[in-house]
């Protein structure tokens, strides 16, 4: 065998492989600049570590300006497949939780201190009772009750012996006293009475089990999953734009890359391009081999 014929292609393949291997490595290595006699050696640090800041800006602008746009995010977040999965998931949770026998109060105080919860509940009852009582007063409930009472008396007296005893003029004189009495009672005891009813409702709610609540939802015939999906869709359509305006995605990506050291950047790049970079190295060997064969052809 004439080894001199195949030596050229083999040497060419080795040279091509080594040069491409070194070139690929120089993209990432060395991680830090190397100095000899106070002078920084060329190509140190590697191309990517040296240009990390510029790459971070470019990647941030690409992601924020071209990838994670409002249209792209909205299309992804409102994809029919995603919404259907969300609906099925919510309904599955409701079916599962309908078997939960824990009391609502026990679940709440698992996350919130019991005394703190009771204090919050009492404040809430006071606030709601005050608002309701005030709204009742603003409705002029005393006048409404008095008018209805007088109308009821009028209906009852028709065709009876009391017709002569209770004339319209006499009945109208009762409106103001009745109205004043009702208004006074509402102002004096309205908050207390409303608060008592609210407290009873809250207490009844606390004594129910989680399963009771979810069973009631399930029996209502309402597709809760679909209702939640509809609310989710409305939220995304109305709020996504304002959310993105308050979030600088490009800056977030840039800051994240800036916080990464050169080794982490190398690891990230290799996780994406390792096969492609290996292909470049192998391509160098192939090109070197081909050039070696071409050299043999010309020598002949």
Protein backbone atom coordinates (compact mmCIF):
# COMPACT_ATOMS: atom_id res chain seq x y z
CA UNK A 1 0.00 0.00 0.00
CA UNK A 2 1.27 3.43 -0.96
CA UNK A 3 0.94 5.27 2.36
CA UNK A 4 2.05 8.50 0.77
CA UNK A 5 -1.23 8.62 -1.19
CA UNK A 6 -3.50 8.42 1.81
CA UNK A 7 -1.27 10.43 4.13
CA UNK A 8 -2.44 13.70 2.57
CA UNK A 9 -6.21 13.11 3.12
CA UNK A 10 -5.63 11.79 6.64
CA UNK A 11 -3.42 14.74 7.61
CA UNK A 12 -5.92 17.11 6.00
CA UNK A 13 -8.78 15.53 8.01
CA UNK A 14 -6.78 15.82 11.25
CA UNK A 15 -5.89 19.45 10.55
CA UNK A 16 -9.49 20.31 9.61
CA UNK A 17 -10.83 18.62 12.71
CA UNK A 18 -8.33 20.29 15.04
CA UNK A 19 -8.71 23.79 13.59
CA UNK A 20 -12.50 23.66 13.80
CA UNK A 21 -12.33 22.15 17.29
CA UNK A 22 -10.05 24.99 18.43
CA UNK A 23 -12.26 27.57 16.73
CA UNK A 24 -15.38 26.24 18.48
CA UNK A 25 -13.60 26.14 21.82
CA UNK A 26 -12.42 29.72 21.30
CA UNK A 27 -16.06 30.80 21.19
CA UNK A 28 -16.22 30.06 24.93
CA UNK A 29 -12.68 29.70 26.21
CA UNK A 30 -10.76 31.07 27.92
CA UNK A 31 -13.35 32.44 30.30
CA UNK A 32 -11.05 35.22 31.52
CA UNK A 33 -8.43 37.36 29.74
CA UNK A 34 -4.88 36.05 29.81
CA UNK A 35 -1.98 38.47 30.29
CA UNK A 36 1.66 37.88 29.43
CA UNK A 37 4.15 40.53 30.56
CA UNK A 38 1.23 42.84 31.22
CA UNK A 39 -0.16 42.46 27.71
CA UNK A 40 -3.50 40.78 27.07
CA UNK A 41 -3.22 37.91 24.64
CA UNK A 42 -5.42 38.23 21.53
CA UNK A 43 -8.73 36.35 21.56
CA UNK A 44 -8.78 36.18 25.35
CA UNK A 45 -11.29 35.87 26.83
CA UNK A 46 -13.30 33.84 24.31
CA UNK A 47 -15.65 35.52 21.88
CA UNK A 48 -18.84 34.83 23.83
CA UNK A 49 -17.48 35.73 27.32
CA UNK A 50 -15.97 38.90 25.87
CA UNK A 51 -19.23 39.90 24.17
CA UNK A 52 -21.57 38.71 26.94
CA UNK A 53 -23.02 42.17 27.60
CA UNK A 54 -23.70 42.82 23.93
CA UNK A 55 -25.19 39.35 23.50
CA UNK A 56 -27.42 39.90 26.55
CA UNK A 57 -28.80 43.11 25.01
CA UNK A 58 -29.34 41.42 21.64
CA UNK A 59 -31.07 38.37 23.16
CA UNK A 60 -33.21 40.59 25.40
CA UNK A 61 -34.34 42.71 22.46
CA UNK A 62 -35.00 39.61 20.35
CA UNK A 63 -37.09 37.93 23.06
CA UNK A 64 -38.93 41.05 24.17
CA UNK A 65 -39.42 42.60 20.77
CA UNK A 66 -39.84 39.63 18.48
CA UNK A 67 -40.75 36.52 20.46
CA UNK A 68 -42.80 37.38 23.55
CA UNK A 69 -45.05 39.92 21.86
CA UNK A 70 -48.61 40.59 22.96
CA UNK A 71 -49.98 38.81 19.89
CA UNK A 72 -47.78 35.74 20.42
CA UNK A 73 -48.57 35.49 24.12
CA UNK A 74 -52.29 36.03 23.56
CA UNK A 75 -52.35 33.38 20.87
CA UNK A 76 -50.60 30.92 23.18
CA UNK A 77 -52.58 31.72 26.32
CA UNK A 78 -55.92 31.62 24.49
CA UNK A 79 -55.26 28.55 22.38
CA UNK A 80 -58.39 26.32 22.26
CA UNK A 81 -56.40 23.31 23.48
CA UNK A 82 -55.15 25.22 26.54
CA UNK A 83 -58.61 26.54 27.39
CA UNK A 84 -60.15 23.08 27.10
CA UNK A 85 -57.46 21.58 29.35
CA UNK A 86 -58.10 24.36 31.87
CA UNK A 87 -61.87 23.73 31.81
CA UNK A 88 -61.47 19.98 32.29
CA UNK A 89 -58.93 20.52 35.07
CA UNK A 90 -61.21 22.88 37.00
CA UNK A 91 -64.18 20.52 36.73
CA UNK A 92 -61.99 17.61 37.81
CA UNK A 93 -60.90 19.57 40.88
CA UNK A 94 -64.54 20.31 41.75
CA UNK A 95 -65.44 16.61 41.50
CA UNK A 96 -62.48 15.65 43.64
CA UNK A 97 -63.07 18.31 46.28
CA UNK A 98 -66.75 17.33 46.59
CA UNK A 99 -65.49 14.38 48.65
CA UNK A 100 -63.56 16.59 51.07
CA UNK A 101 -65.02 16.27 54.59
CA UNK A 102 -62.96 19.03 56.21
CA UNK A 103 -64.87 21.94 57.70
CA UNK A 104 -64.49 25.23 55.88
CA UNK A 105 -63.29 26.87 59.09
CA UNK A 106 -60.61 24.21 59.59
CA UNK A 107 -59.31 24.82 56.07
CA UNK A 108 -59.22 28.59 56.58
CA UNK A 109 -57.40 28.51 59.91
CA UNK A 110 -54.87 26.11 58.40
CA UNK A 111 -53.63 29.09 56.41
CA UNK A 112 -54.66 31.93 58.75
CA UNK A 113 -54.28 32.11 62.53
CA UNK A 114 -57.63 31.37 64.20
CA UNK A 115 -57.70 34.49 66.39
CA UNK A 116 -56.59 36.64 63.47
CA UNK A 117 -59.32 35.15 61.30
CA UNK A 118 -61.99 35.74 63.95
CA UNK A 119 -60.84 39.34 64.28
CA UNK A 120 -60.97 39.84 60.52
CA UNK A 121 -64.41 38.24 60.42
CA UNK A 122 -65.75 40.48 63.17
CA UNK A 123 -64.43 43.59 61.46
CA UNK A 124 -65.95 42.43 58.20
CA UNK A 125 -69.32 41.83 59.84
CA UNK A 126 -69.26 45.30 61.40
CA UNK A 127 -68.36 46.92 58.11
CA UNK A 128 -70.98 45.06 56.05
CA UNK A 129 -73.67 45.62 58.68
CA UNK A 130 -72.94 49.35 58.82
CA UNK A 131 -73.07 49.69 55.04
CA UNK A 132 -76.34 47.75 54.76
CA UNK A 133 -77.97 49.69 57.61
CA UNK A 134 -76.90 52.99 56.04
CA UNK A 135 -78.32 51.96 52.68
CA UNK A 136 -81.61 51.00 54.37
CA UNK A 137 -81.79 54.45 55.97
CA UNK A 138 -81.05 56.12 52.63
CA UNK A 139 -83.96 54.19 51.11
CA UNK A 140 -86.31 56.08 53.49
CA UNK A 141 -87.48 52.71 54.74
CA UNK A 142 -89.70 54.33 57.38
CA UNK A 143 -91.79 56.07 54.74
CA UNK A 144 -91.99 52.90 52.64
CA UNK A 145 -93.20 50.83 55.62
CA UNK A 146 -95.72 53.51 56.63
CA UNK A 147 -97.15 53.76 53.11
CA UNK A 148 -97.49 50.00 52.84
CA UNK A 149 -99.13 49.80 56.27
CA UNK A 150 -101.68 52.49 55.39
CA UNK A 151 -102.45 50.82 52.07
CA UNK A 152 -102.97 47.51 53.84
CA UNK A 153 -105.39 49.12 56.30
CA UNK A 154 -107.30 50.72 53.43
CA UNK A 155 -107.69 47.37 51.72
CA UNK A 156 -108.89 45.69 54.89
CA UNK A 157 -111.46 48.36 55.77
CA UNK A 158 -113.31 48.26 52.45
CA UNK A 159 -116.88 47.08 53.04
CA UNK A 160 -116.34 46.74 56.80
CA UNK A 161 -117.66 48.61 59.81
CA UNK A 162 -114.26 50.25 60.36
CA UNK A 163 -114.70 52.33 57.25
CA UNK A 164 -116.37 55.10 59.23
CA UNK A 165 -113.81 54.90 62.04
CA UNK A 166 -110.65 55.20 59.86
CA UNK A 167 -111.05 57.93 57.29
CA UNK A 168 -108.34 58.70 54.75
CA UNK A 169 -107.47 61.88 56.57
CA UNK A 170 -106.98 60.00 59.81
CA UNK A 171 -104.86 57.31 58.17
CA UNK A 172 -102.62 59.88 56.53
CA UNK A 173 -101.91 61.40 59.93
CA UNK A 174 -100.38 58.06 60.93
CA UNK A 175 -97.77 58.04 58.15
CA UNK A 176 -95.35 60.43 59.81
CA UNK A 177 -95.38 58.77 63.29
CA UNK A 178 -94.97 55.30 61.80
CA UNK A 179 -92.17 56.50 59.52
CA UNK A 180 -90.36 58.20 62.39
CA UNK A 181 -90.64 55.13 64.60
CA UNK A 182 -89.30 52.80 61.91
CA UNK A 183 -86.41 55.15 61.07
CA UNK A 184 -85.53 55.49 64.74
CA UNK A 185 -85.54 51.71 65.18
CA UNK A 186 -83.33 51.23 62.12
CA UNK A 187 -80.86 53.85 63.35
CA UNK A 188 -80.80 52.45 66.86
CA UNK A 189 -80.83 48.70 66.22
CA UNK A 190 -80.31 48.35 62.48
CA UNK A 191 -76.60 47.60 62.62
CA UNK A 192 -77.07 45.14 65.48
CA UNK A 193 -79.89 43.25 63.73
CA UNK A 194 -78.11 43.10 60.38
CA UNK A 195 -74.85 42.03 62.02
CA UNK A 196 -76.63 39.23 63.85
CA UNK A 197 -78.01 37.85 60.59
CA UNK A 198 -74.66 38.19 58.86
CA UNK A 199 -72.95 36.42 61.76
CA UNK A 200 -75.46 33.57 61.55
CA UNK A 201 -74.81 33.19 57.83
CA UNK A 202 -71.04 33.23 58.30
CA UNK A 203 -71.31 30.69 61.11
CA UNK A 204 -73.47 28.44 58.97
CA UNK A 205 -70.91 28.76 56.17
CA UNK A 206 -68.00 27.86 58.47
CA UNK A 207 -69.79 24.73 59.70
CA UNK A 208 -70.21 23.36 56.21
CA UNK A 209 -67.67 20.98 54.77
CA UNK A 210 -65.59 21.74 51.72
CA UNK A 211 -67.38 18.86 50.05
CA UNK A 212 -70.77 20.47 50.76
CA UNK A 213 -69.72 23.63 48.94
CA UNK A 214 -68.34 21.85 45.90
CA UNK A 215 -71.31 19.48 45.80
CA UNK A 216 -73.64 22.48 45.75
CA UNK A 217 -71.63 23.94 42.89
CA UNK A 218 -71.76 20.64 41.02
CA UNK A 219 -75.54 20.28 41.53
CA UNK A 220 -76.19 23.83 40.37
CA UNK A 221 -75.81 22.64 36.77
CA UNK A 222 -73.36 25.44 36.04
CA UNK A 223 -70.28 24.50 34.04
CA UNK A 224 -67.89 26.16 36.49
CA UNK A 225 -64.91 25.20 34.40
CA UNK A 226 -66.30 26.97 31.36
CA UNK A 227 -67.28 29.99 33.46
CA UNK A 228 -63.74 30.22 34.81
CA UNK A 229 -62.31 29.85 31.31
CA UNK A 230 -64.57 32.65 30.08
CA UNK A 231 -63.37 34.88 32.93
CA UNK A 232 -59.77 33.92 32.17
CA UNK A 233 -60.25 34.79 28.49
CA UNK A 234 -61.73 38.19 29.31
CA UNK A 235 -58.87 38.89 31.73
CA UNK A 236 -56.21 38.01 29.15
CA UNK A 237 -57.83 40.12 26.42
CA UNK A 238 -58.35 43.16 28.64
CA UNK A 239 -55.29 43.06 30.89
CA UNK A 240 -52.46 41.42 28.95
CA UNK A 241 -51.51 44.63 27.16
CA UNK A 242 -51.28 46.66 30.37
CA UNK A 243 -49.36 43.85 32.09
CA UNK A 244 -46.78 43.73 29.30
CA UNK A 245 -46.43 47.52 29.38
CA UNK A 246 -45.43 47.28 33.03
CA UNK A 247 -43.03 44.38 32.42
CA UNK A 248 -39.88 45.08 30.43
CA UNK A 249 -39.24 41.58 29.11
CA UNK A 250 -36.13 42.65 27.20
CA UNK A 251 -34.60 44.13 30.37
CA UNK A 252 -35.51 41.04 32.41
CA UNK A 253 -33.76 38.75 29.92
CA UNK A 254 -30.74 41.07 29.77
CA UNK A 255 -30.47 41.26 33.56
CA UNK A 256 -30.74 37.48 33.81
CA UNK A 257 -27.96 36.96 31.31
CA UNK A 258 -25.82 39.63 32.97
CA UNK A 259 -26.16 37.77 36.27
CA UNK A 260 -24.85 34.56 34.68
CA UNK A 261 -21.13 33.92 34.70
CA UNK A 262 -19.26 32.91 31.56
CA UNK A 263 -19.42 29.21 32.47
CA UNK A 264 -23.21 29.32 32.77
CA UNK A 265 -23.48 31.10 29.40
CA UNK A 266 -21.32 28.38 27.86
CA UNK A 267 -23.48 25.66 29.40
CA UNK A 268 -26.63 27.38 28.14
CA UNK A 269 -25.26 27.72 24.61
CA UNK A 270 -24.05 24.12 24.51
CA UNK A 271 -27.41 22.85 25.72
CA UNK A 272 -28.91 24.42 22.60
CA UNK A 273 -26.16 24.04 19.99
CA UNK A 274 -23.98 21.13 21.10
CA UNK A 275 -24.96 18.88 18.16
CA UNK A 276 -24.53 21.71 15.68
CA UNK A 277 -21.09 22.65 17.07
CA UNK A 278 -19.98 19.00 16.95
CA UNK A 279 -21.20 18.88 13.36
CA UNK A 280 -19.01 21.91 12.54
CA UNK A 281 -15.97 20.15 14.04
CA UNK A 282 -16.68 16.96 12.07
CA UNK A 283 -17.30 19.01 8.94
CA UNK A 284 -13.78 20.42 9.31
CA UNK A 285 -12.38 16.89 9.28
CA UNK A 286 -14.46 16.04 6.19
CA UNK A 287 -13.36 19.16 4.32
CA UNK A 288 -9.71 18.50 5.24
CA UNK A 289 -10.03 14.94 3.97
CA UNK A 290 -11.60 16.10 0.69
CA UNK A 291 -8.91 18.74 0.19
CA UNK A 292 -6.27 16.06 0.81
CA UNK A 293 -7.85 13.90 -1.89
CA UNK A 294 -7.97 16.86 -4.28
CA UNK A 295 -4.28 17.47 -3.57
CA UNK A 296 -3.50 13.86 -4.56
CA UNK A 297 -5.41 14.33 -7.82
CA UNK A 298 -3.39 17.43 -8.70
CA UNK A 299 -0.11 15.72 -7.78
CA UNK A 300 -0.94 12.88 -10.13
